[in-house]
Amino acid sequence: MFSVKVEANFSSAHNLRAYKGKCESLHGHNWKIEVTACAERLDKAGMVVDFKVLRKRLYACLEKLDHKYLNEIPYFKKANPTSENIARYIYETLKGRVKNIKSVTVWENDSSCATYEE
C-alpha cells in the first residue's frame, strides 16, 4: 500500500454548542490539516495522486473556512464545529474531488487532533 500526505493551515473562530467549559465561548484556532491518500497501485506516472492536485483541492476547500466564524457556515449550523466534524466536513468536501482519499486529520493545537476516514 502506498500513501501520500499533504498539510495546510487555516485560521478560524468557533464556539461549541452543548458543551460546558471554556470552549463554549467564542475562540479561535490556527488549524493544521493533513490529508492522506492511499492506493495499492500507482498510476502511469508512478503516483498515488499528484501532490499539486491534492494541495490545490485542499486549499480550495479551506478557502471556505479560513478567517471565518465556523458556526455561521451552513454545514456547522447543524453539526457542532468540533475538530471531529471539521475533519468530516473536509473529507466529504474532498471525497469526490480527490482520487484515493483515505483520511483527514485536523490539529487544533500541537498536541490534540481528530481524524476522519470511511
N, C-alpha and C. Protein backbone atom coordinates (compact mmCIF):
# COMPACT_ATOMS: atom_id res chain seq x y z
N MET A 1 0.86 -1.18 0.00
CA MET A 1 0.00 0.00 0.00
C MET A 1 0.90 1.24 0.00
N PHE A 2 0.56 2.16 -0.88
CA PHE A 2 1.27 3.43 -0.94
C PHE A 2 0.38 4.51 -0.34
N SER A 3 0.99 5.50 0.32
CA SER A 3 0.21 6.63 0.82
C SER A 3 1.02 7.91 0.64
N VAL A 4 0.29 9.00 0.43
CA VAL A 4 0.88 10.33 0.35
C VAL A 4 0.07 11.24 1.27
N LYS A 5 0.72 12.30 1.72
CA LYS A 5 0.06 13.21 2.64
C LYS A 5 0.46 14.64 2.31
N VAL A 6 -0.51 15.56 2.36
CA VAL A 6 -0.21 16.98 2.27
C VAL A 6 -0.77 17.65 3.52
N GLU A 7 -0.18 18.78 3.85
CA GLU A 7 -0.61 19.56 5.01
C GLU A 7 -0.91 20.98 4.58
N ALA A 8 -1.83 21.61 5.28
CA ALA A 8 -2.16 23.01 5.05
C ALA A 8 -2.68 23.57 6.37
N ASN A 9 -2.84 24.87 6.41
CA ASN A 9 -3.30 25.55 7.62
C ASN A 9 -4.40 26.54 7.29
N PHE A 10 -5.24 26.80 8.27
CA PHE A 10 -6.19 27.89 8.16
C PHE A 10 -6.50 28.37 9.57
N SER A 11 -7.02 29.58 9.66
CA SER A 11 -7.40 30.16 10.94
C SER A 11 -8.90 30.43 10.93
N SER A 12 -9.54 30.18 12.05
CA SER A 12 -10.98 30.46 12.15
C SER A 12 -11.38 30.53 13.61
N ALA A 13 -12.60 31.01 13.81
CA ALA A 13 -13.18 31.08 15.15
C ALA A 13 -14.39 30.16 15.20
N HIS A 14 -14.71 29.72 16.41
CA HIS A 14 -15.91 28.91 16.61
C HIS A 14 -16.24 28.91 18.10
N ASN A 15 -17.40 28.41 18.40
CA ASN A 15 -17.74 28.07 19.78
C ASN A 15 -18.54 26.78 19.74
N LEU A 16 -18.36 25.97 20.76
CA LEU A 16 -19.02 24.66 20.79
C LEU A 16 -20.36 24.77 21.48
N ARG A 17 -21.35 24.15 20.88
CA ARG A 17 -22.69 24.07 21.47
C ARG A 17 -22.77 22.79 22.30
N ALA A 18 -23.65 22.77 23.26
CA ALA A 18 -23.86 21.59 24.11
C ALA A 18 -22.58 21.18 24.81
N TYR A 19 -21.79 22.16 25.20
CA TYR A 19 -20.51 21.92 25.86
C TYR A 19 -20.40 22.86 27.05
N LYS A 20 -19.93 22.36 28.15
CA LYS A 20 -19.73 23.18 29.34
C LYS A 20 -18.23 23.35 29.56
N GLY A 21 -17.77 24.56 29.50
CA GLY A 21 -16.36 24.84 29.68
C GLY A 21 -15.94 26.00 28.80
N LYS A 22 -14.65 26.26 28.77
CA LYS A 22 -14.12 27.41 28.04
C LYS A 22 -14.49 27.41 26.56
N CYS A 23 -14.58 26.24 25.97
CA CYS A 23 -14.81 26.16 24.52
C CYS A 23 -16.24 26.50 24.11
N GLU A 24 -17.14 26.69 25.08
CA GLU A 24 -18.48 27.14 24.73
C GLU A 24 -18.47 28.62 24.38
N SER A 25 -17.42 29.33 24.75
CA SER A 25 -17.26 30.74 24.40
C SER A 25 -16.55 30.86 23.06
N LEU A 26 -16.81 31.98 22.39
CA LEU A 26 -16.14 32.24 21.12
C LEU A 26 -14.63 32.25 21.30
N HIS A 27 -13.93 31.49 20.46
CA HIS A 27 -12.46 31.44 20.49
C HIS A 27 -11.97 31.00 19.12
N GLY A 28 -10.67 31.07 18.89
CA GLY A 28 -10.12 30.73 17.59
C GLY A 28 -8.98 29.75 17.66
N HIS A 29 -8.66 29.20 16.50
CA HIS A 29 -7.54 28.26 16.36
C HIS A 29 -6.80 28.55 15.07
N ASN A 30 -5.55 28.20 15.05
CA ASN A 30 -4.77 28.08 13.82
C ASN A 30 -4.69 26.58 13.55
N TRP A 31 -5.61 26.10 12.73
CA TRP A 31 -5.77 24.68 12.47
C TRP A 31 -4.72 24.18 11.50
N LYS A 32 -4.23 22.97 11.72
CA LYS A 32 -3.37 22.28 10.76
C LYS A 32 -4.16 21.10 10.23
N ILE A 33 -4.18 20.96 8.91
CA ILE A 33 -4.94 19.90 8.26
C ILE A 33 -3.99 18.97 7.54
N GLU A 34 -4.19 17.67 7.71
CA GLU A 34 -3.44 16.66 6.97
C GLU A 34 -4.42 15.83 6.16
N VAL A 35 -4.16 15.69 4.89
CA VAL A 35 -4.99 14.85 4.03
C VAL A 35 -4.10 13.72 3.51
N THR A 36 -4.57 12.48 3.68
CA THR A 36 -3.83 11.31 3.23
C THR A 36 -4.62 10.60 2.13
N ALA A 37 -3.91 10.23 1.08
CA ALA A 37 -4.49 9.42 0.00
C ALA A 37 -3.67 8.15 -0.11
N CYS A 38 -4.33 7.03 -0.42
CA CYS A 38 -3.66 5.72 -0.49
C CYS A 38 -4.09 4.97 -1.75
N ALA A 39 -3.20 4.08 -2.19
CA ALA A 39 -3.53 3.22 -3.33
C ALA A 39 -2.67 1.97 -3.29
N GLU A 40 -3.24 0.88 -3.73
CA GLU A 40 -2.50 -0.38 -3.86
C GLU A 40 -1.51 -0.29 -5.02
N ARG A 41 -1.94 0.39 -6.08
CA ARG A 41 -1.11 0.51 -7.28
C ARG A 41 -0.94 1.98 -7.63
N LEU A 42 0.19 2.29 -8.20
CA LEU A 42 0.46 3.66 -8.62
C LEU A 42 -0.10 3.89 -10.02
N ASP A 43 -0.36 5.15 -10.34
CA ASP A 43 -0.86 5.47 -11.69
C ASP A 43 0.28 5.38 -12.70
N LYS A 44 0.01 5.74 -13.94
CA LYS A 44 1.01 5.62 -15.00
C LYS A 44 2.24 6.49 -14.75
N ALA A 45 2.07 7.55 -13.98
CA ALA A 45 3.20 8.44 -13.65
C ALA A 45 3.96 7.95 -12.42
N GLY A 46 3.48 6.86 -11.80
CA GLY A 46 4.13 6.35 -10.61
C GLY A 46 3.70 7.04 -9.33
N MET A 47 2.46 7.57 -9.32
CA MET A 47 1.96 8.33 -8.16
C MET A 47 0.64 7.76 -7.65
N VAL A 48 0.39 7.99 -6.36
CA VAL A 48 -0.94 7.75 -5.79
C VAL A 48 -1.87 8.84 -6.32
N VAL A 49 -1.44 10.07 -6.15
CA VAL A 49 -2.12 11.26 -6.67
C VAL A 49 -1.06 12.35 -6.71
N ASP A 50 -1.16 13.23 -7.67
CA ASP A 50 -0.20 14.32 -7.80
C ASP A 50 -0.33 15.25 -6.59
N PHE A 51 0.79 15.53 -5.89
CA PHE A 51 0.77 16.42 -4.74
C PHE A 51 0.14 17.77 -5.10
N LYS A 52 0.48 18.27 -6.29
CA LYS A 52 -0.03 19.57 -6.72
C LYS A 52 -1.56 19.57 -6.79
N VAL A 53 -2.12 18.51 -7.32
CA VAL A 53 -3.58 18.39 -7.43
C VAL A 53 -4.20 18.27 -6.04
N LEU A 54 -3.63 17.41 -5.21
CA LEU A 54 -4.15 17.21 -3.86
C LEU A 54 -4.13 18.52 -3.07
N ARG A 55 -3.01 19.23 -3.14
CA ARG A 55 -2.87 20.50 -2.42
C ARG A 55 -3.86 21.56 -2.94
N LYS A 56 -4.01 21.64 -4.26
CA LYS A 56 -4.92 22.61 -4.87
C LYS A 56 -6.36 22.38 -4.40
N ARG A 57 -6.78 21.12 -4.37
CA ARG A 57 -8.16 20.81 -3.95
C ARG A 57 -8.35 21.08 -2.46
N LEU A 58 -7.31 20.79 -1.66
CA LEU A 58 -7.39 21.08 -0.23
C LEU A 58 -7.48 22.59 0.00
N TYR A 59 -6.63 23.37 -0.67
CA TYR A 59 -6.66 24.83 -0.50
C TYR A 59 -8.02 25.40 -0.87
N ALA A 60 -8.63 24.88 -1.93
CA ALA A 60 -9.95 25.36 -2.35
C ALA A 60 -10.98 25.09 -1.26
N CYS A 61 -10.89 23.94 -0.63
CA CYS A 61 -11.81 23.60 0.47
C CYS A 61 -11.58 24.52 1.66
N LEU A 62 -10.32 24.72 2.03
CA LEU A 62 -10.01 25.52 3.22
C LEU A 62 -10.31 27.00 3.02
N GLU A 63 -10.33 27.45 1.79
CA GLU A 63 -10.66 28.85 1.50
C GLU A 63 -12.04 29.20 2.07
N LYS A 64 -12.94 28.21 2.08
CA LYS A 64 -14.30 28.43 2.60
C LYS A 64 -14.33 28.51 4.13
N LEU A 65 -13.25 28.07 4.79
CA LEU A 65 -13.18 28.06 6.25
C LEU A 65 -12.25 29.12 6.82
N ASP A 66 -11.28 29.55 6.03
CA ASP A 66 -10.23 30.43 6.52
C ASP A 66 -10.77 31.81 6.90
N HIS A 67 -10.41 32.23 8.10
CA HIS A 67 -10.81 33.52 8.66
C HIS A 67 -12.34 33.68 8.69
N LYS A 68 -13.00 32.59 9.01
CA LYS A 68 -14.46 32.59 9.12
C LYS A 68 -14.87 32.21 10.54
N TYR A 69 -16.10 32.56 10.87
CA TYR A 69 -16.74 32.09 12.10
C TYR A 69 -17.46 30.81 11.70
N LEU A 70 -16.90 29.66 12.06
CA LEU A 70 -17.39 28.37 11.56
C LEU A 70 -18.86 28.13 11.85
N ASN A 71 -19.35 28.60 12.98
CA ASN A 71 -20.75 28.39 13.36
C ASN A 71 -21.72 29.00 12.34
N GLU A 72 -21.27 29.94 11.53
CA GLU A 72 -22.14 30.59 10.54
C GLU A 72 -22.14 29.87 9.19
N ILE A 73 -21.26 28.90 9.01
CA ILE A 73 -21.22 28.12 7.77
C ILE A 73 -22.36 27.11 7.82
N PRO A 74 -23.17 27.01 6.75
CA PRO A 74 -24.36 26.14 6.80
C PRO A 74 -24.12 24.74 7.36
N TYR A 75 -23.04 24.07 6.98
CA TYR A 75 -22.75 22.72 7.47
C TYR A 75 -22.68 22.69 9.00
N PHE A 76 -22.08 23.74 9.58
CA PHE A 76 -21.86 23.75 11.03
C PHE A 76 -23.02 24.40 11.80
N LYS A 77 -24.07 24.77 11.10
CA LYS A 77 -25.28 25.18 11.81
C LYS A 77 -26.00 23.95 12.35
N LYS A 78 -25.76 22.80 11.68
CA LYS A 78 -26.34 21.53 12.13
C LYS A 78 -25.31 20.71 12.90
N ALA A 79 -24.09 20.62 12.38
CA ALA A 79 -23.02 19.85 13.03
C ALA A 79 -22.20 20.79 13.90
N ASN A 80 -22.03 20.43 15.15
CA ASN A 80 -21.20 21.22 16.06
C ASN A 80 -19.80 21.34 15.46
N PRO A 81 -19.19 22.53 15.42
CA PRO A 81 -17.88 22.70 14.78
C PRO A 81 -16.71 22.19 15.63
N THR A 82 -16.77 20.92 15.97
CA THR A 82 -15.69 20.27 16.70
C THR A 82 -14.59 19.87 15.71
N SER A 83 -13.43 19.52 16.21
CA SER A 83 -12.35 19.04 15.34
C SER A 83 -12.81 17.82 14.55
N GLU A 84 -13.56 16.95 15.20
CA GLU A 84 -14.06 15.74 14.55
C GLU A 84 -14.96 16.09 13.36
N ASN A 85 -15.88 17.02 13.56
CA ASN A 85 -16.80 17.39 12.49
C ASN A 85 -16.12 18.22 11.40
N ILE A 86 -15.11 18.99 11.76
CA ILE A 86 -14.34 19.71 10.74
C ILE A 86 -13.61 18.71 9.86
N ALA A 87 -13.03 17.67 10.46
CA ALA A 87 -12.36 16.63 9.69
C ALA A 87 -13.34 15.95 8.74
N ARG A 88 -14.53 15.64 9.22
CA ARG A 88 -15.54 15.00 8.37
C ARG A 88 -15.97 15.94 7.24
N TYR A 89 -16.17 17.22 7.54
CA TYR A 89 -16.56 18.20 6.53
C TYR A 89 -15.52 18.26 5.41
N ILE A 90 -14.25 18.35 5.78
CA ILE A 90 -13.18 18.43 4.78
C ILE A 90 -13.13 17.14 3.96
N TYR A 91 -13.23 15.99 4.63
CA TYR A 91 -13.23 14.70 3.93
C TYR A 91 -14.37 14.65 2.91
N GLU A 92 -15.58 14.97 3.36
CA GLU A 92 -16.75 14.90 2.48
C GLU A 92 -16.63 15.88 1.32
N THR A 93 -16.03 17.04 1.56
CA THR A 93 -15.84 18.02 0.50
C THR A 93 -14.84 17.51 -0.54
N LEU A 94 -13.79 16.84 -0.08
CA LEU A 94 -12.74 16.36 -0.98
C LEU A 94 -13.06 15.02 -1.63
N LYS A 95 -13.93 14.24 -1.03
CA LYS A 95 -14.17 12.85 -1.44
C LYS A 95 -14.38 12.68 -2.94
N GLY A 96 -15.22 13.46 -3.55
CA GLY A 96 -15.47 13.32 -4.98
C GLY A 96 -14.45 14.03 -5.85
N ARG A 97 -13.54 14.77 -5.21
CA ARG A 97 -12.57 15.58 -5.96
C ARG A 97 -11.14 15.08 -5.87
N VAL A 98 -10.89 14.17 -4.93
CA VAL A 98 -9.53 13.66 -4.72
C VAL A 98 -9.54 12.15 -4.87
N LYS A 99 -8.74 11.69 -5.80
CA LYS A 99 -8.62 10.26 -6.05
C LYS A 99 -7.94 9.59 -4.86
N ASN A 100 -8.51 8.50 -4.38
CA ASN A 100 -7.90 7.66 -3.35
C ASN A 100 -7.79 8.31 -1.97
N ILE A 101 -8.66 9.27 -1.66
CA ILE A 101 -8.59 9.89 -0.33
C ILE A 101 -8.82 8.83 0.74
N LYS A 102 -8.00 8.85 1.77
CA LYS A 102 -8.12 7.89 2.86
C LYS A 102 -8.61 8.55 4.14
N SER A 103 -7.97 9.67 4.51
CA SER A 103 -8.33 10.29 5.79
C SER A 103 -8.00 11.77 5.80
N VAL A 104 -8.65 12.45 6.74
CA VAL A 104 -8.36 13.86 7.02
C VAL A 104 -8.14 13.97 8.52
N THR A 105 -7.02 14.60 8.90
CA THR A 105 -6.71 14.85 10.30
C THR A 105 -6.69 16.35 10.53
N VAL A 106 -7.35 16.77 11.60
CA VAL A 106 -7.43 18.18 11.96
C VAL A 106 -6.76 18.37 13.31
N TRP A 107 -5.71 19.19 13.32
CA TRP A 107 -4.99 19.54 14.55
C TRP A 107 -5.48 20.89 15.02
N GLU A 108 -6.01 20.97 16.24
CA GLU A 108 -6.42 22.28 16.77
C GLU A 108 -5.30 22.93 17.59
N ASN A 109 -4.32 22.13 17.98
CA ASN A 109 -3.10 22.64 18.61
C ASN A 109 -2.02 21.56 18.43
N ASP A 110 -0.85 21.79 18.99
CA ASP A 110 0.27 20.87 18.77
C ASP A 110 0.08 19.48 19.36
N SER A 111 -0.86 19.33 20.28
CA SER A 111 -0.99 18.03 20.95
C SER A 111 -2.39 17.41 20.86
N SER A 112 -3.31 18.01 20.08
CA SER A 112 -4.67 17.49 20.01
C SER A 112 -5.17 17.49 18.57
N CYS A 113 -5.59 16.29 18.12
CA CYS A 113 -6.10 16.19 16.76
C CYS A 113 -7.24 15.18 16.69
N ALA A 114 -7.99 15.26 15.59
CA ALA A 114 -9.07 14.32 15.30
C ALA A 114 -8.94 13.89 13.85
N THR A 115 -9.23 12.61 13.57
CA THR A 115 -9.13 12.07 12.22
C THR A 115 -10.46 11.49 11.80
N TYR A 116 -10.82 11.73 10.53
CA TYR A 116 -12.00 11.11 9.95
C TYR A 116 -11.59 10.32 8.71
N GLU A 117 -12.10 9.09 8.63
CA GLU A 117 -11.93 8.26 7.43
C GLU A 117 -13.13 7.33 7.33
N GLU A 118 -13.42 6.92 6.11
CA GLU A 118 -14.54 6.00 5.91
C GLU A 118 -14.02 4.59 5.83
